[in-house]
Amino acid sequence: MTADNYLLYSVIAAVLPVLLYVGLIYWVDYYEKEPTWLLSAAFLWGAVPAALLALLFNTVLSLPFYYLFSERSAELVAGGAIAPVVEEVTKGLALFLILIIRRNELDSPLDGVIYGAMVGMGFAMVENILYYTAYFSESGASGWNELVFIRGVIFGLNHALYTALTGLGIALARMSRSWLVRLTAPLLGLAAAMTLHAIHNLSMFNGTTIAFFTGLTFGWGGVAMTVLIMALALYQERLWMRRYLAEEVDLGTLTADELKIVSSAVLRGRHRFRLLVTGNVGEFRRTGTRLRNLSELAYRKRRYAHFNDVSSLTTIADLRQAIAELGRFDGGAEV
């Protein structure tokens, strides 16, 4: 890498890990895939508006401290207090917008985590490009390699983690009938995001081995906690599939064998993979649509049972009609 091509390498180093992480996040949501356009919009919000707003407000709010205090003290305040608040608010705005204009997409805690992670990955990608290009000018190729490893690999999921906590709080508020939960859950999620962000920035500012491992512990501890939440959410969604679609077997919407498939991620994947490898592309797509509709039916029935909203009844009837028109799974159920 030279001074002529470091920008290209910086972009590649920032984009490739993000593509991997985004792919993993999208794969995890296998019961009810979120709309691709909305996931893309969340990612782009993090990459463009959130990044630009954060850069603007971080700069404006930090300037007075550089005039009043020493450079080190100002950097401590900017990194430990201002940046976590500004960045988590600007990223979190996208999730509050989803809550307002596309609230029906937030069907489970997992949805909030996924949308938050998408916003965070978009933000991390742009921020890493800026850091990588600036650091090459200061430290050369050796310093650049070290920074890429630390930011892209060791702490590559941090921004996704922070905003996922905000998303989790918003999703929990969306699902609750308690006004107390609706008011406090998003604020607690945002506060948790800011706190973990501040701990990480302060630990990196200190520069000692102990501080580094403190940041590493809180960072990967938060990732582990988020993975656990996602696993529990997926288990809960599986139970929803079984509970709310059991009645549909008696109604003739699906068969008992199809119920086993739709409520199991393993069986879903196995059934569709068999269709794909045998060259039955049309049936592969039709089965995918039927599975998505069945999942949506379960979520809508849960929502109606939980909130007793009349609008869900119309959607439930429409979904049953759409599922009937698609017909049964081809070749029967492999269970």
C-alpha atoms as a PDB file:
ATOM      1  CA  MET A   1       0.000   0.000   0.000  1.00  0.00           C
ATOM      2  CA  THR A   2       1.309   3.431  -0.959  1.00  0.00           C
ATOM      3  CA  ALA A   3       0.261   7.055  -0.630  1.00  0.00           C
ATOM      4  CA  ASP A   4      -1.384   6.716  -4.054  1.00  0.00           C
ATOM      5  CA  ASN A   5      -3.749   3.883  -3.220  1.00  0.00           C
ATOM      6  CA  TYR A   6      -4.328   4.077   0.546  1.00  0.00           C
ATOM      7  CA  LEU A   7      -7.798   5.547   0.014  1.00  0.00           C
ATOM      8  CA  LEU A   8      -8.858   2.527  -2.035  1.00  0.00           C
ATOM      9  CA  TYR A   9      -7.460   0.127   0.549  1.00  0.00           C
ATOM     10  CA  SER A  10      -9.170   2.068   3.343  1.00  0.00           C
ATOM     11  CA  VAL A  11     -12.535   1.780   1.593  1.00  0.00           C
ATOM     12  CA  ILE A  12     -12.050  -1.954   0.994  1.00  0.00           C
ATOM     13  CA  ALA A  13     -10.949  -2.527   4.606  1.00  0.00           C
ATOM     14  CA  ALA A  14     -14.038  -0.695   5.870  1.00  0.00           C
ATOM     15  CA  VAL A  15     -16.564  -2.242   3.487  1.00  0.00           C
ATOM     16  CA  LEU A  16     -15.626  -5.946   3.498  1.00  0.00           C
ATOM     17  CA  PRO A  17     -16.139  -6.644   7.233  1.00  0.00           C
ATOM     18  CA  VAL A  18     -19.403  -4.698   7.136  1.00  0.00           C
ATOM     19  CA  LEU A  19     -20.686  -6.842   4.260  1.00  0.00           C
ATOM     20  CA  LEU A  20     -19.866  -9.966   6.272  1.00  0.00           C
ATOM     21  CA  TYR A  21     -21.568  -8.679   9.411  1.00  0.00           C
ATOM     22  CA  VAL A  22     -24.625  -7.438   7.499  1.00  0.00           C
ATOM     23  CA  GLY A  23     -24.958 -10.836   5.826  1.00  0.00           C
ATOM     24  CA  LEU A  24     -24.841 -12.596   9.200  1.00  0.00           C
ATOM     25  CA  ILE A  25     -27.411 -10.210  10.688  1.00  0.00           C
ATOM     26  CA  TYR A  26     -29.755 -10.726   7.747  1.00  0.00           C
ATOM     27  CA  TRP A  27     -29.344 -14.516   7.895  1.00  0.00           C
ATOM     28  CA  VAL A  28     -30.257 -14.691  11.587  1.00  0.00           C
ATOM     29  CA  ASP A  29     -33.749 -13.301  10.916  1.00  0.00           C
ATOM     30  CA  TYR A  30     -34.993 -16.473   9.205  1.00  0.00           C
ATOM     31  CA  TYR A  31     -38.573 -16.702  10.503  1.00  0.00           C
ATOM     32  CA  GLU A  32     -39.746 -13.382   9.103  1.00  0.00           C
ATOM     33  CA  LYS A  33     -37.297 -11.499   6.907  1.00  0.00           C
ATOM     34  CA  GLU A  34     -37.593  -7.745   7.224  1.00  0.00           C
ATOM     35  CA  PRO A  35     -38.195  -5.788   3.993  1.00  0.00           C
ATOM     36  CA  THR A  36     -34.925  -5.401   2.129  1.00  0.00           C
ATOM     37  CA  TRP A  37     -35.706  -1.793   1.226  1.00  0.00           C
ATOM     38  CA  LEU A  38     -36.254  -0.882   4.894  1.00  0.00           C
ATOM     39  CA  LEU A  39     -33.085  -2.653   6.023  1.00  0.00           C
ATOM     40  CA  SER A  40     -31.213  -0.808   3.262  1.00  0.00           C
ATOM     41  CA  ALA A  41     -32.758   2.486   4.343  1.00  0.00           C
ATOM     42  CA  ALA A  42     -31.658   1.834   7.929  1.00  0.00           C
ATOM     43  CA  PHE A  43     -28.114   1.054   6.759  1.00  0.00           C
ATOM     44  CA  LEU A  44     -27.995   4.168   4.570  1.00  0.00           C
ATOM     45  CA  TRP A  45     -29.276   6.322   7.404  1.00  0.00           C
ATOM     46  CA  GLY A  46     -26.328   5.224   9.502  1.00  0.00           C
ATOM     47  CA  ALA A  47     -23.892   5.720   6.630  1.00  0.00           C
ATOM     48  CA  VAL A  48     -25.019   9.169   5.463  1.00  0.00           C
ATOM     49  CA  PRO A  49     -27.381  11.343   7.565  1.00  0.00           C
ATOM     50  CA  ALA A  50     -26.303   9.941  10.934  1.00  0.00           C
ATOM     51  CA  ALA A  51     -22.595  10.135  10.063  1.00  0.00           C
ATOM     52  CA  LEU A  52     -22.882  13.701   8.753  1.00  0.00           C
ATOM     53  CA  LEU A  53     -25.006  14.905  11.671  1.00  0.00           C
ATOM     54  CA  ALA A  54     -22.652  13.269  14.162  1.00  0.00           C
ATOM     55  CA  LEU A  55     -19.620  14.893  12.519  1.00  0.00           C
ATOM     56  CA  LEU A  56     -21.321  18.298  12.599  1.00  0.00           C
ATOM     57  CA  PHE A  57     -22.560  18.199  16.186  1.00  0.00           C
ATOM     58  CA  ASN A  58     -19.447  16.499  17.553  1.00  0.00           C
ATOM     59  CA  THR A  59     -17.374  19.317  16.082  1.00  0.00           C
ATOM     60  CA  VAL A  60     -19.655  22.166  17.171  1.00  0.00           C
ATOM     61  CA  LEU A  61     -20.181  20.888  20.715  1.00  0.00           C
ATOM     62  CA  SER A  62     -16.508  20.016  21.234  1.00  0.00           C
ATOM     63  CA  LEU A  63     -14.999  23.321  20.046  1.00  0.00           C
ATOM     64  CA  PRO A  64     -15.631  25.273  23.288  1.00  0.00           C
ATOM     65  CA  PHE A  65     -13.716  22.678  25.295  1.00  0.00           C
ATOM     66  CA  TYR A  66     -10.673  23.030  23.051  1.00  0.00           C
ATOM     67  CA  TYR A  67     -10.672  26.771  23.734  1.00  0.00           C
ATOM     68  CA  LEU A  68     -11.230  26.453  27.500  1.00  0.00           C
ATOM     69  CA  PHE A  69      -9.100  23.441  28.409  1.00  0.00           C
ATOM     70  CA  SER A  70      -6.004  21.565  27.309  1.00  0.00           C
ATOM     71  CA  GLU A  71      -6.155  19.466  24.162  1.00  0.00           C
ATOM     72  CA  ARG A  72      -6.048  16.222  26.148  1.00  0.00           C
ATOM     73  CA  SER A  73      -8.864  17.309  28.461  1.00  0.00           C
ATOM     74  CA  ALA A  74     -10.954  18.458  25.497  1.00  0.00           C
ATOM     75  CA  GLU A  75     -10.417  15.124  23.717  1.00  0.00           C
ATOM     76  CA  LEU A  76     -11.466  13.292  26.879  1.00  0.00           C
ATOM     77  CA  VAL A  77     -14.723  15.253  27.089  1.00  0.00           C
ATOM     78  CA  ALA A  78     -15.369  14.974  23.357  1.00  0.00           C
ATOM     79  CA  GLY A  79     -14.769  11.225  23.230  1.00  0.00           C
ATOM     80  CA  GLY A  80     -16.203  10.221  26.583  1.00  0.00           C
ATOM     81  CA  ALA A  81     -19.229  12.489  26.897  1.00  0.00           C
ATOM     82  CA  ILE A  82     -20.148  14.284  23.680  1.00  0.00           C
ATOM     83  CA  ALA A  83     -19.571  11.618  20.998  1.00  0.00           C
ATOM     84  CA  PRO A  84     -21.541   8.810  22.703  1.00  0.00           C
ATOM     85  CA  VAL A  85     -24.581  11.048  23.167  1.00  0.00           C
ATOM     86  CA  VAL A  86     -24.462  12.684  19.739  1.00  0.00           C
ATOM     87  CA  GLU A  87     -23.775   9.503  17.765  1.00  0.00           C
ATOM     88  CA  GLU A  88     -26.323   7.313  19.528  1.00  0.00           C
ATOM     89  CA  VAL A  89     -29.026   9.964  19.167  1.00  0.00           C
ATOM     90  CA  THR A  90     -28.345  10.526  15.460  1.00  0.00           C
ATOM     91  CA  LYS A  91     -28.287   6.780  14.792  1.00  0.00           C
ATOM     92  CA  GLY A  92     -31.325   6.150  16.966  1.00  0.00           C
ATOM     93  CA  LEU A  93     -33.434   8.661  15.038  1.00  0.00           C
ATOM     94  CA  ALA A  94     -33.834   6.106  12.245  1.00  0.00           C
ATOM     95  CA  LEU A  95     -35.315   3.594  14.675  1.00  0.00           C
ATOM     96  CA  PHE A  96     -37.780   6.121  16.066  1.00  0.00           C
ATOM     97  CA  LEU A  97     -38.792   6.924  12.484  1.00  0.00           C
ATOM     98  CA  ILE A  98     -39.435   3.231  11.835  1.00  0.00           C
ATOM     99  CA  LEU A  99     -41.543   3.122  15.006  1.00  0.00           C
ATOM    100  CA  ILE A 100     -43.609   6.063  13.747  1.00  0.00           C
ATOM    101  CA  ILE A 101     -44.073   5.265  10.055  1.00  0.00           C
ATOM    102  CA  ARG A 102     -43.527   1.462   9.828  1.00  0.00           C
ATOM    103  CA  ARG A 103     -44.431   0.288  13.313  1.00  0.00           C
ATOM    104  CA  ASN A 104     -45.962  -2.958  12.027  1.00  0.00           C
ATOM    105  CA  GLU A 105     -42.474  -4.123  11.018  1.00  0.00           C
ATOM    106  CA  LEU A 106     -41.476  -4.248  14.689  1.00  0.00           C
ATOM    107  CA  ASP A 107     -43.075  -7.593  15.534  1.00  0.00           C
ATOM    108  CA  SER A 108     -40.512  -8.891  18.013  1.00  0.00           C
ATOM    109  CA  PRO A 109     -37.432  -7.849  20.034  1.00  0.00           C
ATOM    110  CA  LEU A 110     -35.297  -9.392  17.293  1.00  0.00           C
ATOM    111  CA  ASP A 111     -36.652  -6.887  14.756  1.00  0.00           C
ATOM    112  CA  GLY A 112     -35.472  -3.955  16.866  1.00  0.00           C
ATOM    113  CA  VAL A 113     -32.033  -5.511  17.289  1.00  0.00           C
ATOM    114  CA  ILE A 114     -31.687  -6.141  13.546  1.00  0.00           C
ATOM    115  CA  TYR A 115     -32.730  -2.652  12.457  1.00  0.00           C
ATOM    116  CA  GLY A 116     -30.454  -1.119  15.081  1.00  0.00           C
ATOM    117  CA  ALA A 117     -27.526  -3.267  13.996  1.00  0.00           C
ATOM    118  CA  MET A 118     -28.069  -2.255  10.368  1.00  0.00           C
ATOM    119  CA  VAL A 119     -27.949   1.433  11.270  1.00  0.00           C
ATOM    120  CA  GLY A 120     -24.826   0.840  13.339  1.00  0.00           C
ATOM    121  CA  MET A 121     -23.039  -1.036  10.560  1.00  0.00           C
ATOM    122  CA  GLY A 122     -23.691   1.784   8.089  1.00  0.00           C
ATOM    123  CA  PHE A 123     -22.297   4.302  10.564  1.00  0.00           C
ATOM    124  CA  ALA A 124     -19.273   2.128  11.374  1.00  0.00           C
ATOM    125  CA  MET A 125     -18.401   1.735   7.694  1.00  0.00           C
ATOM    126  CA  VAL A 126     -18.202   5.478   7.033  1.00  0.00           C
ATOM    127  CA  GLU A 127     -16.481   6.241  10.332  1.00  0.00           C
ATOM    128  CA  ASN A 128     -13.843   3.585   9.652  1.00  0.00           C
ATOM    129  CA  ILE A 129     -13.101   5.003   6.196  1.00  0.00           C
ATOM    130  CA  LEU A 130     -12.471   8.415   7.789  1.00  0.00           C
ATOM    131  CA  TYR A 131     -10.285   6.960  10.532  1.00  0.00           C
ATOM    132  CA  TYR A 132      -8.281   4.732   8.192  1.00  0.00           C
ATOM    133  CA  THR A 133      -7.481   7.481   5.702  1.00  0.00           C
ATOM    134  CA  ALA A 134      -6.518   9.943   8.423  1.00  0.00           C
ATOM    135  CA  TYR A 135      -4.398   7.431  10.294  1.00  0.00           C
ATOM    136  CA  PHE A 136      -2.390   6.462   7.216  1.00  0.00           C
ATOM    137  CA  SER A 137      -1.313  10.071   6.806  1.00  0.00           C
ATOM    138  CA  GLU A 138      -0.150  10.160  10.427  1.00  0.00           C
ATOM    139  CA  SER A 139       1.339   6.698  11.013  1.00  0.00           C
ATOM    140  CA  GLY A 140       1.974   5.116   7.621  1.00  0.00           C
ATOM    141  CA  ALA A 141       1.209   1.570   6.548  1.00  0.00           C
ATOM    142  CA  SER A 142       2.214  -0.184   9.784  1.00  0.00           C
ATOM    143  CA  GLY A 143      -0.012   1.996  11.918  1.00  0.00           C
ATOM    144  CA  TRP A 144      -2.800   1.650   9.367  1.00  0.00           C
ATOM    145  CA  ASN A 145      -2.663  -2.156   9.548  1.00  0.00           C
ATOM    146  CA  GLU A 146      -2.895  -2.075  13.328  1.00  0.00           C
ATOM    147  CA  LEU A 147      -5.853   0.306  13.288  1.00  0.00           C
ATOM    148  CA  VAL A 148      -7.725  -1.768  10.688  1.00  0.00           C
ATOM    149  CA  PHE A 149      -7.332  -4.877  12.821  1.00  0.00           C
ATOM    150  CA  ILE A 150      -8.475  -3.127  16.014  1.00  0.00           C
ATOM    151  CA  ARG A 151     -11.416  -1.197  14.563  1.00  0.00           C
ATOM    152  CA  GLY A 152     -12.525  -3.635  11.878  1.00  0.00           C
ATOM    153  CA  VAL A 153     -12.016  -6.963  13.636  1.00  0.00           C
ATOM    154  CA  ILE A 154     -11.675  -6.612  17.405  1.00  0.00           C
ATOM    155  CA  PHE A 155     -14.240  -3.809  17.757  1.00  0.00           C
ATOM    156  CA  GLY A 156     -15.973  -4.205  14.407  1.00  0.00           C
ATOM    157  CA  LEU A 157     -19.391  -4.908  15.938  1.00  0.00           C
ATOM    158  CA  ASN A 158     -19.408  -2.102  18.497  1.00  0.00           C
ATOM    159  CA  HIS A 159     -21.592   0.398  16.644  1.00  0.00           C
ATOM    160  CA  ALA A 160     -23.992  -2.384  15.678  1.00  0.00           C
ATOM    161  CA  LEU A 161     -24.162  -3.391  19.350  1.00  0.00           C
ATOM    162  CA  TYR A 162     -24.858   0.129  20.616  1.00  0.00           C
ATOM    163  CA  THR A 163     -27.678   0.894  18.209  1.00  0.00           C
ATOM    164  CA  ALA A 164     -29.090  -2.632  18.590  1.00  0.00           C
ATOM    165  CA  LEU A 165     -29.700  -1.814  22.268  1.00  0.00           C
ATOM    166  CA  THR A 166     -31.656   1.277  21.247  1.00  0.00           C
ATOM    167  CA  GLY A 167     -33.608  -0.823  18.763  1.00  0.00           C
ATOM    168  CA  LEU A 168     -34.323  -3.439  21.402  1.00  0.00           C
ATOM    169  CA  GLY A 169     -35.790  -0.794  23.692  1.00  0.00           C
ATOM    170  CA  ILE A 170     -37.981   0.576  20.912  1.00  0.00           C
ATOM    171  CA  ALA A 171     -39.209  -2.901  19.922  1.00  0.00           C
ATOM    172  CA  LEU A 172     -40.059  -3.752  23.536  1.00  0.00           C
ATOM    173  CA  ALA A 173     -42.024  -0.510  23.796  1.00  0.00           C
ATOM    174  CA  ARG A 174     -43.835  -1.312  20.564  1.00  0.00           C
ATOM    175  CA  MET A 175     -44.887  -4.735  21.851  1.00  0.00           C
ATOM    176  CA  SER A 176     -46.001  -3.632  25.305  1.00  0.00           C
ATOM    177  CA  ARG A 177     -49.457  -2.575  26.473  1.00  0.00           C
ATOM    178  CA  SER A 178     -47.986  -0.762  29.476  1.00  0.00           C
ATOM    179  CA  TRP A 179     -47.522   2.977  29.085  1.00  0.00           C
ATOM    180  CA  LEU A 180     -44.660   2.838  31.570  1.00  0.00           C
ATOM    181  CA  VAL A 181     -42.774   0.357  29.387  1.00  0.00           C
ATOM    182  CA  ARG A 182     -43.607   2.330  26.253  1.00  0.00           C
ATOM    183  CA  LEU A 183     -42.095   5.467  27.750  1.00  0.00           C
ATOM    184  CA  THR A 184     -39.081   4.013  29.527  1.00  0.00           C
ATOM    185  CA  ALA A 185     -37.895   1.116  27.337  1.00  0.00           C
ATOM    186  CA  PRO A 186     -36.628   3.290  24.429  1.00  0.00           C
ATOM    187  CA  LEU A 187     -34.905   5.667  26.861  1.00  0.00           C
ATOM    188  CA  LEU A 188     -33.270   2.806  28.749  1.00  0.00           C
ATOM    189  CA  GLY A 189     -32.114   1.238  25.481  1.00  0.00           C
ATOM    190  CA  LEU A 190     -30.642   4.548  24.339  1.00  0.00           C
ATOM    191  CA  ALA A 191     -29.012   5.105  27.734  1.00  0.00           C
ATOM    192  CA  ALA A 192     -27.441   1.627  27.609  1.00  0.00           C
ATOM    193  CA  ALA A 193     -26.090   2.372  24.131  1.00  0.00           C
ATOM    194  CA  MET A 194     -24.573   5.666  25.293  1.00  0.00           C
ATOM    195  CA  THR A 195     -23.067   4.064  28.400  1.00  0.00           C
ATOM    196  CA  LEU A 196     -21.330   1.219  26.546  1.00  0.00           C
ATOM    197  CA  HIS A 197     -20.158   3.675  23.891  1.00  0.00           C
ATOM    198  CA  ALA A 198     -18.701   6.001  26.550  1.00  0.00           C
ATOM    199  CA  ILE A 199     -16.952   3.126  28.361  1.00  0.00           C
ATOM    200  CA  HIS A 200     -15.350   2.016  25.114  1.00  0.00           C
ATOM    201  CA  ASN A 201     -14.178   5.527  24.139  1.00  0.00           C
ATOM    202  CA  LEU A 202     -12.755   6.249  27.589  1.00  0.00           C
ATOM    203  CA  SER A 203     -10.926   2.923  27.720  1.00  0.00           C
ATOM    204  CA  MET A 204      -9.362   3.567  24.308  1.00  0.00           C
ATOM    205  CA  PHE A 205      -8.381   7.099  25.354  1.00  0.00           C
ATOM    206  CA  ASN A 206      -6.493   5.862  28.399  1.00  0.00           C
ATOM    207  CA  GLY A 207      -4.115   3.787  26.285  1.00  0.00           C
ATOM    208  CA  THR A 208      -3.152   1.244  28.966  1.00  0.00           C
ATOM    209  CA  THR A 209      -3.437  -2.524  28.680  1.00  0.00           C
ATOM    210  CA  ILE A 210      -5.975  -2.660  31.506  1.00  0.00           C
ATOM    211  CA  ALA A 211      -8.104   0.011  29.849  1.00  0.00           C
ATOM    212  CA  PHE A 212      -7.943  -1.838  26.525  1.00  0.00           C
ATOM    213  CA  PHE A 213      -9.149  -5.076  28.107  1.00  0.00           C
ATOM    214  CA  THR A 214     -11.859  -3.127  29.926  1.00  0.00           C
ATOM    215  CA  GLY A 215     -13.144  -1.892  26.581  1.00  0.00           C
ATOM    216  CA  LEU A 216     -12.782  -5.364  25.131  1.00  0.00           C
ATOM    217  CA  THR A 217     -14.688  -6.933  28.030  1.00  0.00           C
ATOM    218  CA  PHE A 218     -17.586  -4.497  27.851  1.00  0.00           C
ATOM    219  CA  GLY A 219     -17.633  -4.576  24.046  1.00  0.00           C
ATOM    220  CA  TRP A 220     -17.637  -8.327  23.568  1.00  0.00           C
ATOM    221  CA  GLY A 221     -19.664  -8.802  26.719  1.00  0.00           C
ATOM    222  CA  GLY A 222     -22.302  -6.612  25.130  1.00  0.00           C
ATOM    223  CA  VAL A 223     -22.074  -8.590  21.889  1.00  0.00           C
ATOM    224  CA  ALA A 224     -22.487 -11.847  23.825  1.00  0.00           C
ATOM    225  CA  MET A 225     -25.491 -10.401  25.639  1.00  0.00           C
ATOM    226  CA  THR A 226     -27.028  -9.287  22.349  1.00  0.00           C
ATOM    227  CA  VAL A 227     -26.461 -12.717  20.795  1.00  0.00           C
ATOM    228  CA  LEU A 228     -28.188 -14.281  23.806  1.00  0.00           C
ATOM    229  CA  ILE A 229     -31.133 -11.887  23.399  1.00  0.00           C
ATOM    230  CA  MET A 230     -31.353 -12.784  19.716  1.00  0.00           C
ATOM    231  CA  ALA A 231     -31.291 -16.514  20.503  1.00  0.00           C
ATOM    232  CA  LEU A 232     -34.054 -16.120  23.074  1.00  0.00           C
ATOM    233  CA  ALA A 233     -36.062 -13.988  20.644  1.00  0.00           C
ATOM    234  CA  LEU A 234     -35.723 -16.648  17.940  1.00  0.00           C
ATOM    235  CA  TYR A 235     -36.873 -19.318  20.393  1.00  0.00           C
ATOM    236  CA  GLN A 236     -39.851 -17.153  21.323  1.00  0.00           C
ATOM    237  CA  GLU A 237     -40.709 -16.669  17.643  1.00  0.00           C
ATOM    238  CA  ARG A 238     -40.611 -20.441  17.145  1.00  0.00           C
ATOM    239  CA  LEU A 239     -43.095 -20.857  19.972  1.00  0.00           C
ATOM    240  CA  TRP A 240     -45.307 -18.198  18.368  1.00  0.00           C
ATOM    241  CA  MET A 241     -45.257 -20.147  15.101  1.00  0.00           C
ATOM    242  CA  ARG A 242     -46.407 -23.310  16.850  1.00  0.00           C
ATOM    243  CA  ARG A 243     -48.994 -21.619  19.029  1.00  0.00           C
ATOM    244  CA  TYR A 244     -50.717 -19.326  16.559  1.00  0.00           C
ATOM    245  CA  LEU A 245     -50.586 -21.622  13.539  1.00  0.00           C
ATOM    246  CA  ALA A 246     -51.859 -24.731  15.348  1.00  0.00           C
ATOM    247  CA  GLU A 247     -55.438 -23.498  14.868  1.00  0.00           C
ATOM    248  CA  GLU A 248     -54.735 -23.031  11.157  1.00  0.00           C
ATOM    249  CA  VAL A 249     -54.195 -26.771  10.769  1.00  0.00           C
ATOM    250  CA  ASP A 250     -57.792 -27.371  11.861  1.00  0.00           C
ATOM    251  CA  LEU A 251     -58.951 -24.587   9.533  1.00  0.00           C
ATOM    252  CA  GLY A 252     -57.117 -26.181   6.595  1.00  0.00           C
ATOM    253  CA  THR A 253     -54.732 -23.270   6.035  1.00  0.00           C
ATOM    254  CA  LEU A 254     -51.766 -25.650   6.310  1.00  0.00           C
ATOM    255  CA  THR A 255     -51.095 -29.287   7.174  1.00  0.00           C
ATOM    256  CA  ALA A 256     -49.573 -30.669  10.366  1.00  0.00           C
ATOM    257  CA  ASP A 257     -46.374 -31.495   8.470  1.00  0.00           C
ATOM    258  CA  GLU A 258     -46.207 -27.958   7.088  1.00  0.00           C
ATOM    259  CA  LEU A 259     -46.573 -26.628  10.632  1.00  0.00           C
ATOM    260  CA  LYS A 260     -43.463 -28.584  11.618  1.00  0.00           C
ATOM    261  CA  ILE A 261     -41.558 -27.014   8.739  1.00  0.00           C
ATOM    262  CA  VAL A 262     -42.693 -23.438   9.242  1.00  0.00           C
ATOM    263  CA  SER A 263     -41.856 -23.519  12.966  1.00  0.00           C
ATOM    264  CA  SER A 264     -38.331 -24.894  12.475  1.00  0.00           C
ATOM    265  CA  ALA A 265     -35.491 -22.915  10.923  1.00  0.00           C
ATOM    266  CA  VAL A 266     -33.618 -26.153  10.165  1.00  0.00           C
ATOM    267  CA  LEU A 267     -36.560 -27.765   8.387  1.00  0.00           C
ATOM    268  CA  ARG A 268     -37.305 -24.561   6.475  1.00  0.00           C
ATOM    269  CA  GLY A 269     -33.772 -24.436   5.167  1.00  0.00           C
ATOM    270  CA  ARG A 270     -33.655 -28.153   4.367  1.00  0.00           C
ATOM    271  CA  HIS A 271     -36.932 -28.107   2.476  1.00  0.00           C
ATOM    272  CA  ARG A 272     -36.042 -25.076   0.345  1.00  0.00           C
ATOM    273  CA  PHE A 273     -32.499 -26.326  -0.262  1.00  0.00           C
ATOM    274  CA  ARG A 274     -33.900 -29.595  -1.634  1.00  0.00           C
ATOM    275  CA  LEU A 275     -36.047 -27.625  -4.072  1.00  0.00           C
ATOM    276  CA  LEU A 276     -33.121 -25.468  -5.141  1.00  0.00           C
ATOM    277  CA  VAL A 277     -30.639 -28.298  -5.766  1.00  0.00           C
ATOM    278  CA  THR A 278     -33.231 -30.239  -7.782  1.00  0.00           C
ATOM    279  CA  GLY A 279     -33.626 -27.244 -10.076  1.00  0.00           C
ATOM    280  CA  ASN A 280     -37.188 -26.450  -9.043  1.00  0.00           C
ATOM    281  CA  VAL A 281     -36.601 -22.691  -8.887  1.00  0.00           C
ATOM    282  CA  GLY A 282     -40.252 -21.744  -9.334  1.00  0.00           C
ATOM    283  CA  GLU A 283     -41.327 -23.970  -6.454  1.00  0.00           C
ATOM    284  CA  PHE A 284     -38.400 -22.663  -4.392  1.00  0.00           C
ATOM    285  CA  ARG A 285     -39.705 -19.099  -4.758  1.00  0.00           C
ATOM    286  CA  ARG A 286     -43.350 -20.057  -4.220  1.00  0.00           C
ATOM    287  CA  THR A 287     -42.514 -21.985  -1.064  1.00  0.00           C
ATOM    288  CA  GLY A 288     -40.502 -19.049   0.228  1.00  0.00           C
ATOM    289  CA  THR A 289     -43.489 -16.756  -0.276  1.00  0.00           C
ATOM    290  CA  ARG A 290     -45.794 -19.234   1.455  1.00  0.00           C
ATOM    291  CA  LEU A 291     -43.426 -19.535   4.416  1.00  0.00           C
ATOM    292  CA  ARG A 292     -43.215 -15.752   4.756  1.00  0.00           C
ATOM    293  CA  ASN A 293     -47.002 -15.444   4.627  1.00  0.00           C
ATOM    294  CA  LEU A 294     -47.433 -18.153   7.247  1.00  0.00           C
ATOM    295  CA  SER A 295     -44.941 -16.414   9.512  1.00  0.00           C
ATOM    296  CA  GLU A 296     -46.716 -13.102   9.013  1.00  0.00           C
ATOM    297  CA  LEU A 297     -50.034 -14.799   9.805  1.00  0.00           C
ATOM    298  CA  ALA A 298     -48.648 -16.048  13.129  1.00  0.00           C
ATOM    299  CA  TYR A 299     -47.339 -12.579  14.018  1.00  0.00           C
ATOM    300  CA  ARG A 300     -50.626 -10.928  13.084  1.00  0.00           C
ATOM    301  CA  LYS A 301     -52.622 -13.410  15.135  1.00  0.00           C
ATOM    302  CA  ARG A 302     -50.346 -12.777  18.086  1.00  0.00           C
ATOM    303  CA  ARG A 303     -50.782  -9.036  17.676  1.00  0.00           C
ATOM    304  CA  TYR A 304     -54.557  -9.397  17.584  1.00  0.00           C
ATOM    305  CA  ALA A 305     -54.502 -11.599  20.703  1.00  0.00           C
ATOM    306  CA  HIS A 306     -52.244  -9.075  22.433  1.00  0.00           C
ATOM    307  CA  PHE A 307     -53.817  -5.762  21.389  1.00  0.00           C
ATOM    308  CA  ASN A 308     -57.255  -6.794  20.078  1.00  0.00           C
ATOM    309  CA  ASP A 309     -56.897  -4.373  17.152  1.00  0.00           C
ATOM    310  CA  VAL A 310     -59.524  -4.649  14.438  1.00  0.00           C
ATOM    311  CA  SER A 311     -57.096  -3.892  11.587  1.00  0.00           C
ATOM    312  CA  SER A 312     -55.277  -7.173  12.237  1.00  0.00           C
ATOM    313  CA  LEU A 313     -58.448  -9.151  11.494  1.00  0.00           C
ATOM    314  CA  THR A 314     -58.512  -7.824   7.914  1.00  0.00           C
ATOM    315  CA  THR A 315     -54.835  -8.625   7.467  1.00  0.00           C
ATOM    316  CA  ILE A 316     -55.335 -12.144   8.875  1.00  0.00           C
ATOM    317  CA  ALA A 317     -58.149 -12.823   6.404  1.00  0.00           C
ATOM    318  CA  ASP A 318     -56.044 -11.494   3.498  1.00  0.00           C
ATOM    319  CA  LEU A 319     -53.089 -13.656   4.513  1.00  0.00           C
ATOM    320  CA  ARG A 320     -55.228 -16.775   4.698  1.00  0.00           C
ATOM    321  CA  GLN A 321     -56.508 -16.062   1.202  1.00  0.00           C
ATOM    322  CA  ALA A 322     -53.005 -15.484  -0.157  1.00  0.00           C
ATOM    323  CA  ILE A 323     -51.740 -18.688   1.474  1.00  0.00           C
ATOM    324  CA  ALA A 324     -54.622 -20.692   0.020  1.00  0.00           C
ATOM    325  CA  GLU A 325     -53.886 -19.361  -3.470  1.00  0.00           C
ATOM    326  CA  LEU A 326     -50.244 -20.441  -3.208  1.00  0.00           C
ATOM    327  CA  GLY A 327     -51.185 -24.059  -2.463  1.00  0.00           C
ATOM    328  CA  ARG A 328     -49.350 -26.688  -0.447  1.00  0.00           C
ATOM    329  CA  PHE A 329     -45.607 -27.274  -0.306  1.00  0.00           C
ATOM    330  CA  ASP A 330     -44.473 -29.245  -3.339  1.00  0.00           C
ATOM    331  CA  GLY A 331     -43.515 -32.831  -2.715  1.00  0.00           C
ATOM    332  CA  GLY A 332     -44.975 -32.957   0.774  1.00  0.00           C
ATOM    333  CA  ALA A 333     -43.230 -32.148   4.003  1.00  0.00           C
ATOM    334  CA  GLU A 334     -39.836 -33.542   4.924  1.00  0.00           C
ATOM    335  CA  VAL A 335     -39.816 -33.709   8.689  1.00  0.00           C
END
